Amino acid sequence: MEIQSLKTVLLVRDLGSIAGAARALEVDASSVSRVLASVERELGLRLFQRSTRKLSLTEEGERYLNRVAPLIEDLEAAREAASSKDVSPRGTLRVTASVAFSQEFFVPLLPRFQEMYPDLSVELFPSDSNLDLLAEGLDVAIRLAAAPKGDLISTKLAETRYRVVAAPEYLECAGPVIDPRDLVDMNCLRFALPNFRSVWRFRKPGEEPFAVEVSGKTVISSAASLREAARLGMGAALLPDWLIGGDLANGRLVNLFPDYECAAADFETAAWILYPSKSYLPRKVRVLIDFLKAEMTGLKNRTAL
């Protein structure tokens, strides 16, 4: 039995449908159906129960695929290990990240990354929605949040922090800002996520954190657009350090509370790279992780964030 056929069957299991597996593989659903029927015929057992609306594993199918999946992963890992020594990674790396992170950080790094790995192609899918890696056929996702939960494997690239910032022009009109509680009387530019819209949190080292209710006339769903509104002097904004390092360095934006840690919901946030749960890490993903870790450390050092 061909390994590729078993991988197709496992993809059907993971995505829960023949149509989903066909989309991920970019083939016709009839092709996936034929592969599934061929595997079942060769095994002499039915792996899935089919109906017009639902596809579900049989008891025998679940037992068989649970045993087979680790073996397939081990074979793939062995093949990659044997072929990757002193050889540049090849193939296509499909990546998703938020629109702002893609635009501000990832895309500017692509020339250097592709110069380092000329045999590796990159397909980038910027999205502020958390795309399903398996359903979309993606290799990795870059997410900026607290520690991820779920079935995906995650590796921390770098810690991230938030700052409350405003343009000097806005501060000239708004008056002095000394304490985070002064934000109550200010026009705050708010990100269109529940944890960012109404309450911002602050703490000093060794002290208890506290919350400040914020309000304002403008709510924006794009971090990059929110930064631009702050640059234009429209109000104060809570923004991540990787997005505003250059603005703080050149004085276009001012860090209002340098003695405080700032957050929307969780003070411990980071940039994470996530990939489907497997017993091995594909080399093309491994080189991307190493590359991004180095670049994010360099960015933090250069901007003194």
Protein backbone atom coordinates (compact mmCIF):
# COMPACT_ATOMS: atom_id res chain seq x y z
CA MET A 1 0.00 0.00 0.00
CA GLU A 2 1.39 3.42 -0.94
CA ILE A 3 2.23 5.84 1.85
CA GLN A 4 0.65 8.71 -0.07
CA SER A 5 -2.67 6.88 -0.12
CA LEU A 6 -2.56 6.42 3.64
CA LYS A 7 -1.66 10.10 4.07
CA THR A 8 -4.73 11.00 2.03
CA VAL A 9 -6.93 8.81 4.21
CA LEU A 10 -5.47 10.40 7.35
CA LEU A 11 -6.23 13.83 5.90
CA VAL A 12 -9.84 12.78 5.37
CA ARG A 13 -9.93 11.72 9.02
CA ASP A 14 -8.39 14.97 10.26
CA LEU A 15 -10.63 17.24 8.18
CA GLY A 16 -13.74 15.16 8.61
CA SER A 17 -14.74 15.10 4.95
CA ILE A 18 -13.65 13.99 1.51
CA ALA A 19 -14.37 17.46 0.14
CA GLY A 20 -12.13 19.08 2.75
CA ALA A 21 -9.26 16.73 1.96
CA ALA A 22 -9.74 17.37 -1.75
CA ARG A 23 -9.52 21.15 -1.22
CA ALA A 24 -6.37 20.79 0.87
CA LEU A 25 -4.76 18.54 -1.78
CA GLU A 26 -6.10 20.66 -4.66
CA VAL A 27 -7.63 17.64 -6.41
CA ASP A 28 -11.16 16.54 -7.29
CA ALA A 29 -13.24 14.97 -4.55
CA SER A 30 -13.76 11.96 -6.81
CA SER A 31 -10.00 11.37 -6.77
CA VAL A 32 -9.95 11.28 -2.96
CA SER A 33 -12.97 8.97 -2.96
CA ARG A 34 -11.16 6.55 -5.26
CA VAL A 35 -8.09 6.54 -3.02
CA LEU A 36 -10.23 5.89 0.05
CA ALA A 37 -12.13 3.08 -1.67
CA SER A 38 -8.87 1.53 -2.87
CA VAL A 39 -7.36 1.53 0.63
CA GLU A 40 -10.50 0.02 2.13
CA ARG A 41 -10.57 -2.64 -0.56
CA GLU A 42 -6.94 -3.56 0.03
CA LEU A 43 -7.44 -3.71 3.81
CA GLY A 44 -10.68 -5.60 3.54
CA LEU A 45 -12.45 -3.34 6.03
CA ARG A 46 -14.52 -0.17 6.02
CA LEU A 47 -12.72 2.81 7.54
CA PHE A 48 -15.56 5.33 7.34
CA GLN A 49 -19.32 5.31 7.52
CA ARG A 50 -20.66 7.50 4.71
CA SER A 51 -23.96 9.31 4.37
CA THR A 52 -25.13 12.26 2.29
CA ARG A 53 -24.40 14.62 5.18
CA LYS A 54 -21.78 12.98 7.35
CA LEU A 55 -18.56 11.03 7.27
CA SER A 56 -17.51 9.24 10.46
CA LEU A 57 -14.89 6.70 11.40
CA THR A 58 -15.93 3.13 12.03
CA GLU A 59 -14.61 1.49 15.18
CA GLU A 60 -12.24 -0.60 13.08
CA GLY A 61 -11.17 2.46 11.10
CA GLU A 62 -10.39 4.44 14.23
CA ARG A 63 -8.24 1.65 15.66
CA TYR A 64 -6.38 1.16 12.40
CA LEU A 65 -5.68 4.83 11.68
CA ASN A 66 -4.62 5.54 15.27
CA ARG A 67 -1.96 2.84 14.87
CA VAL A 68 -0.93 3.86 11.37
CA ALA A 69 -0.62 7.63 11.89
CA PRO A 70 2.54 7.54 14.09
CA LEU A 71 4.18 5.08 11.68
CA ILE A 72 3.54 7.36 8.71
CA GLU A 73 4.97 10.32 10.61
CA ASP A 74 8.07 8.29 11.54
CA LEU A 75 8.57 7.27 7.92
CA GLU A 76 8.23 10.87 6.76
CA ALA A 77 10.67 12.03 9.42
CA ALA A 78 13.18 9.36 8.43
CA ARG A 79 12.86 10.26 4.76
CA GLU A 80 13.38 13.94 5.48
CA ALA A 81 16.33 13.29 7.78
CA ALA A 82 18.00 11.11 5.15
CA SER A 83 17.50 13.61 2.35
CA SER A 84 18.11 16.87 4.20
CA LYS A 85 21.73 16.48 5.25
CA ASP A 86 23.71 19.31 3.62
CA VAL A 87 20.76 19.91 1.30
CA SER A 88 18.72 23.11 1.26
CA PRO A 89 15.05 22.56 2.15
CA ARG A 90 12.82 22.34 -0.89
CA GLY A 91 9.15 22.67 -1.66
CA THR A 92 6.54 25.20 -0.68
CA LEU A 93 6.04 26.73 2.75
CA ARG A 94 2.46 27.96 3.28
CA VAL A 95 2.25 30.56 6.05
CA THR A 96 -0.53 32.62 7.59
CA ALA A 97 -0.15 35.62 9.90
CA SER A 98 -2.16 38.69 10.82
CA VAL A 99 -2.40 41.40 8.18
CA ALA A 100 -0.34 43.89 10.21
CA PHE A 101 2.38 41.40 11.14
CA SER A 102 2.60 40.20 7.54
CA GLN A 103 2.92 43.73 6.21
CA GLU A 104 5.18 45.22 8.85
CA PHE A 105 7.44 42.34 9.76
CA PHE A 106 7.20 39.19 7.66
CA VAL A 107 7.14 40.55 4.11
CA PRO A 108 10.23 42.76 4.61
CA LEU A 109 12.12 39.62 5.72
CA LEU A 110 11.13 37.50 2.72
CA PRO A 111 13.99 38.62 0.41
CA ARG A 112 16.60 37.58 2.97
CA PHE A 113 14.82 34.32 3.81
CA GLN A 114 14.50 33.33 0.16
CA GLU A 115 18.11 34.26 -0.48
CA MET A 116 19.12 31.89 2.32
CA TYR A 117 16.83 29.10 1.06
CA PRO A 118 16.56 29.51 -2.72
CA ASP A 119 14.87 26.12 -3.23
CA LEU A 120 12.03 26.97 -0.86
CA SER A 121 8.96 28.83 -2.11
CA VAL A 122 6.72 30.79 0.26
CA GLU A 123 2.98 31.31 0.01
CA LEU A 124 1.75 33.91 2.51
CA PHE A 125 -1.91 34.24 3.54
CA PRO A 126 -2.40 37.43 5.60
CA SER A 127 -5.56 37.20 7.67
CA ASP A 128 -6.87 38.59 10.93
CA SER A 129 -8.96 35.45 11.31
CA ASN A 130 -7.43 32.30 12.80
CA LEU A 131 -7.39 30.10 9.71
CA ASP A 132 -7.65 26.33 10.13
CA LEU A 133 -4.23 25.00 9.16
CA LEU A 134 -5.40 21.54 8.15
CA ALA A 135 -8.49 22.72 6.30
CA GLU A 136 -6.54 25.37 4.40
CA GLY A 137 -3.49 23.20 3.75
CA LEU A 138 -1.18 25.55 5.67
CA ASP A 139 2.16 24.59 7.16
CA VAL A 140 2.40 27.22 9.88
CA ALA A 141 0.57 30.11 11.49
CA ILE A 142 2.18 33.03 13.26
CA ARG A 143 -0.03 34.26 16.08
CA LEU A 144 0.44 37.08 18.57
CA ALA A 145 -1.36 36.32 21.81
CA ALA A 146 -1.12 34.60 25.16
CA ALA A 147 -0.02 30.96 25.14
CA PRO A 148 -2.08 29.17 22.46
CA LYS A 149 -4.50 26.40 23.37
CA GLY A 150 -5.68 23.50 21.25
CA ASP A 151 -4.23 20.66 19.23
CA LEU A 152 -1.57 22.62 17.37
CA ILE A 153 2.09 22.49 18.38
CA SER A 154 3.43 25.94 19.30
CA THR A 155 6.92 27.40 19.58
CA LYS A 156 7.54 30.82 21.11
CA LEU A 157 9.40 33.16 18.77
CA ALA A 158 9.71 36.11 21.12
CA GLU A 159 7.88 37.82 23.94
CA THR A 160 5.78 40.82 22.96
CA ARG A 161 4.63 43.78 25.00
CA TYR A 162 2.05 46.50 24.58
CA ARG A 163 2.44 50.26 25.04
CA VAL A 164 -0.06 53.07 25.29
CA VAL A 165 1.10 55.65 22.79
CA ALA A 166 -0.03 58.94 21.27
CA ALA A 167 1.31 61.53 18.85
CA PRO A 168 2.99 64.65 20.30
CA GLU A 169 0.38 66.78 18.51
CA TYR A 170 -2.44 65.06 20.38
CA LEU A 171 -0.68 65.47 23.72
CA GLU A 172 -0.30 69.20 23.14
CA CYS A 173 -4.08 69.48 22.96
CA ALA A 174 -4.98 66.84 25.56
CA GLY A 175 -2.77 68.20 28.29
CA PRO A 176 -0.35 66.36 30.59
CA VAL A 177 -0.70 62.60 31.02
CA ILE A 178 0.94 61.35 34.19
CA ASP A 179 -1.00 58.32 35.37
CA PRO A 180 -2.85 55.61 33.40
CA ARG A 181 -6.04 56.69 35.14
CA ASP A 182 -5.83 59.93 33.17
CA LEU A 183 -6.98 57.90 30.17
CA VAL A 184 -10.53 58.05 31.52
CA ASP A 185 -10.76 61.64 30.27
CA MET A 186 -8.96 61.04 26.97
CA ASN A 187 -10.10 59.96 23.51
CA CYS A 188 -8.77 56.41 23.19
CA LEU A 189 -8.41 54.64 19.87
CA ARG A 190 -9.68 51.12 20.42
CA PHE A 191 -9.00 47.85 18.67
CA ALA A 192 -12.11 45.96 17.58
CA LEU A 193 -11.64 42.95 19.84
CA PRO A 194 -13.61 42.40 23.06
CA ASN A 195 -10.57 42.54 25.35
CA PHE A 196 -9.28 45.76 23.77
CA ARG A 197 -12.44 47.83 23.47
CA SER A 198 -13.29 48.99 26.97
CA VAL A 199 -10.66 48.08 29.60
CA TRP A 200 -6.87 48.39 29.54
CA ARG A 201 -4.71 46.96 32.30
CA PHE A 202 -1.56 48.30 33.93
CA ARG A 203 0.98 47.21 36.51
CA LYS A 204 4.34 48.22 37.94
CA PRO A 205 6.90 45.61 38.96
CA GLY A 206 6.09 44.37 42.44
CA GLU A 207 2.68 46.07 42.55
CA GLU A 208 -0.85 44.83 42.02
CA PRO A 209 -2.24 45.35 38.50
CA PHE A 210 -5.25 47.60 37.98
CA ALA A 211 -7.73 48.25 35.20
CA VAL A 212 -8.75 51.49 33.53
CA GLU A 213 -11.99 51.88 31.63
CA VAL A 214 -11.37 53.60 28.31
CA SER A 215 -13.65 55.14 25.73
CA GLY A 216 -13.36 57.01 22.48
CA LYS A 217 -14.96 57.85 19.16
CA THR A 218 -12.95 55.43 17.02
CA VAL A 219 -12.85 51.63 16.91
CA ILE A 220 -10.69 49.97 14.23
CA SER A 221 -10.24 46.29 13.35
CA SER A 222 -6.75 46.66 11.83
CA ALA A 223 -3.69 47.16 14.03
CA ALA A 224 -1.83 48.97 11.25
CA SER A 225 -4.77 51.35 10.72
CA LEU A 226 -5.02 51.91 14.46
CA ARG A 227 -1.36 52.92 14.49
CA GLU A 228 -1.97 55.34 11.61
CA ALA A 229 -4.86 56.94 13.52
CA ALA A 230 -2.52 57.43 16.49
CA ARG A 231 0.12 58.93 14.20
CA LEU A 232 -2.48 61.41 12.92
CA GLY A 233 -3.09 62.67 16.44
CA MET A 234 -6.56 61.20 16.85
CA GLY A 235 -5.98 59.85 20.35
CA ALA A 236 -4.13 57.33 22.53
CA ALA A 237 -3.81 53.71 21.41
CA LEU A 238 -2.74 50.40 22.95
CA LEU A 239 -0.36 48.85 20.41
CA PRO A 240 2.24 46.04 20.32
CA ASP A 241 5.93 46.87 20.55
CA TRP A 242 6.86 45.19 17.24
CA LEU A 243 4.50 47.56 15.42
CA ILE A 244 5.58 50.86 16.97
CA GLY A 245 9.31 50.49 17.62
CA GLY A 246 10.26 52.80 14.75
CA ASP A 247 7.66 55.40 15.72
CA LEU A 248 8.92 55.52 19.29
CA ALA A 249 12.53 55.80 18.11
CA ASN A 250 11.85 58.73 15.77
CA GLY A 251 9.43 60.52 18.07
CA ARG A 252 6.38 60.14 15.86
CA LEU A 253 4.67 58.44 18.80
CA VAL A 254 5.29 58.82 22.53
CA ASN A 255 5.18 56.04 25.12
CA LEU A 256 2.80 57.54 27.70
CA PHE A 257 3.61 55.22 30.60
CA PRO A 258 7.17 53.88 30.31
CA ASP A 259 7.19 52.75 33.96
CA TYR A 260 4.16 50.49 33.49
CA GLU A 261 3.45 47.21 31.79
CA CYS A 262 0.32 47.55 29.66
CA ALA A 263 -2.10 44.91 28.42
CA ALA A 264 -5.60 44.31 27.18
CA ALA A 265 -6.27 40.99 28.92
CA ASP A 266 -2.97 39.18 29.56
CA PHE A 267 0.40 40.72 30.39
CA GLU A 268 2.26 37.61 29.19
CA THR A 269 1.94 37.71 25.41
CA ALA A 270 4.26 36.50 22.69
CA ALA A 271 4.68 35.79 19.02
CA TRP A 272 4.10 32.09 18.41
CA ILE A 273 4.59 29.87 15.42
CA LEU A 274 2.05 27.05 15.26
CA TYR A 275 2.02 23.93 13.11
CA PRO A 276 -0.15 20.81 12.94
CA SER A 277 0.40 18.26 15.68
CA LYS A 278 2.99 15.77 14.43
CA SER A 279 5.73 13.67 15.96
CA TYR A 280 8.39 15.45 13.92
CA LEU A 281 9.12 18.97 12.75
CA PRO A 282 9.50 19.33 8.96
CA ARG A 283 12.82 20.90 8.04
CA LYS A 284 11.21 23.73 6.07
CA VAL A 285 9.29 24.71 9.22
CA ARG A 286 12.35 24.31 11.40
CA VAL A 287 14.44 26.73 9.30
CA LEU A 288 11.62 29.28 9.37
CA ILE A 289 11.40 29.08 13.17
CA ASP A 290 15.17 29.59 13.55
CA PHE A 291 15.14 32.47 11.07
CA LEU A 292 12.22 34.30 12.73
CA LYS A 293 13.63 33.82 16.24
CA ALA A 294 16.87 35.48 15.18
CA GLU A 295 15.10 38.32 13.40
CA MET A 296 12.70 39.07 16.25
CA THR A 297 15.56 39.11 18.74
CA GLY A 298 17.42 41.50 16.45
CA LEU A 299 14.38 43.74 16.11
CA LYS A 300 13.96 43.92 19.87
CA ASN A 301 17.62 44.80 20.37
CA ARG A 302 17.62 47.45 17.62
CA THR A 303 14.54 49.26 18.87
CA ALA A 304 15.22 48.77 22.61
CA LEU A 305 11.62 47.75 23.19
